[in-house]
Amino acid sequence: MNEPDLFDALRRTGIDADDHEVRAAIRVVTAYLDEVRQRLGTHAARRCMEALHAALDYQLQHPDVGDMSSFEADFDEQS
């Protein structure tokens, strides 16, 4: 997939695809997946994509709660 299409797809989901950090993260991951695809084939690259998807979903659902200040601020605003 080419980069403009990928960033357009992100925008359609509401992600700021023009954010420097977002672009950098996407480029690092896609470069690695392209490397895996070249070395081991499409099946291996797809397996890596599925694993990344699952790992990122897990992280989003289980955020680090060591610093509760942002949670507390959001809670205080809602009360």
Protein backbone atom coordinates (compact mmCIF):
# COMPACT_ATOMS: atom_id res chain seq x y z
CA MET A 1 0.00 0.00 0.00
CA ASN A 2 1.35 3.41 -0.78
CA GLU A 3 1.85 6.00 1.93
CA PRO A 4 -0.72 8.60 0.76
CA ASP A 5 -3.47 5.95 0.74
CA LEU A 6 -2.44 4.76 4.19
CA PHE A 7 -2.49 8.26 5.68
CA ASP A 8 -5.83 8.99 3.99
CA ALA A 9 -7.23 5.82 5.58
CA LEU A 10 -6.02 7.03 8.99
CA ARG A 11 -7.67 10.42 8.47
CA ARG A 12 -10.98 8.73 7.64
CA THR A 13 -10.87 7.09 11.08
CA GLY A 14 -10.29 10.46 12.75
CA ILE A 15 -6.54 10.10 13.32
CA ASP A 16 -4.37 13.15 12.70
CA ALA A 17 -2.20 11.63 10.00
CA ASP A 18 -0.28 14.90 9.65
CA ASP A 19 1.08 14.66 13.20
CA HIS A 20 4.84 14.10 13.02
CA GLU A 21 4.86 11.37 15.69
CA VAL A 22 1.99 9.49 14.05
CA ARG A 23 3.74 9.55 10.68
CA ALA A 24 7.03 8.43 12.22
CA ALA A 25 5.39 5.51 14.04
CA ILE A 26 3.56 4.38 10.92
CA ARG A 27 6.70 4.62 8.81
CA VAL A 28 8.76 2.58 11.29
CA VAL A 29 6.18 -0.17 11.47
CA THR A 30 5.50 -0.34 7.73
CA ALA A 31 9.23 -0.37 6.94
CA TYR A 32 9.70 -3.30 9.30
CA LEU A 33 6.73 -5.16 7.83
CA ASP A 34 8.07 -4.59 4.31
CA GLU A 35 11.40 -6.06 5.45
CA VAL A 36 9.64 -9.11 6.91
CA ARG A 37 7.65 -9.50 3.69
CA GLN A 38 10.83 -9.44 1.60
CA ARG A 39 12.71 -11.88 3.84
CA LEU A 40 9.96 -14.31 4.80
CA GLY A 41 6.98 -13.66 2.56
CA THR A 42 3.49 -12.24 2.76
CA HIS A 43 2.20 -14.80 5.26
CA ALA A 44 4.87 -13.92 7.83
CA ALA A 45 4.29 -10.19 7.36
CA ARG A 46 0.55 -10.65 7.81
CA ARG A 47 1.12 -12.70 10.97
CA CYS A 48 3.27 -9.84 12.31
CA MET A 49 0.54 -7.32 11.45
CA GLU A 50 -2.04 -9.40 13.32
CA ALA A 51 0.28 -9.65 16.34
CA LEU A 52 0.93 -5.90 16.32
CA HIS A 53 -2.79 -5.21 16.06
CA ALA A 54 -3.53 -7.47 19.04
CA ALA A 55 -0.66 -6.03 21.11
CA LEU A 56 -1.70 -2.44 20.44
CA ASP A 57 -5.35 -3.20 21.18
CA TYR A 58 -4.26 -4.73 24.48
CA GLN A 59 -2.18 -1.68 25.36
CA LEU A 60 -5.06 0.67 24.55
CA GLN A 61 -7.40 -1.34 26.76
CA HIS A 62 -4.88 -1.66 29.61
CA PRO A 63 -3.15 1.72 29.92
CA ASP A 64 -0.35 2.29 32.39
CA VAL A 65 -2.09 3.68 35.45
CA GLY A 66 1.04 4.55 37.41
CA ASP A 67 0.23 8.21 36.93
CA MET A 68 -3.41 8.72 37.86
CA SER A 69 -3.31 12.52 37.61
CA SER A 70 -4.85 12.66 34.12
CA PHE A 71 -7.57 10.20 35.15
CA GLU A 72 -8.27 12.21 38.30
CA ALA A 73 -8.42 15.46 36.32
CA ASP A 74 -10.93 13.94 33.89
CA PHE A 75 -12.98 12.57 36.80
CA ASP A 76 -12.99 15.95 38.57
CA GLU A 77 -14.21 17.68 35.38
CA GLN A 78 -17.12 15.24 35.09
CA SER A 79 -18.27 15.73 38.69
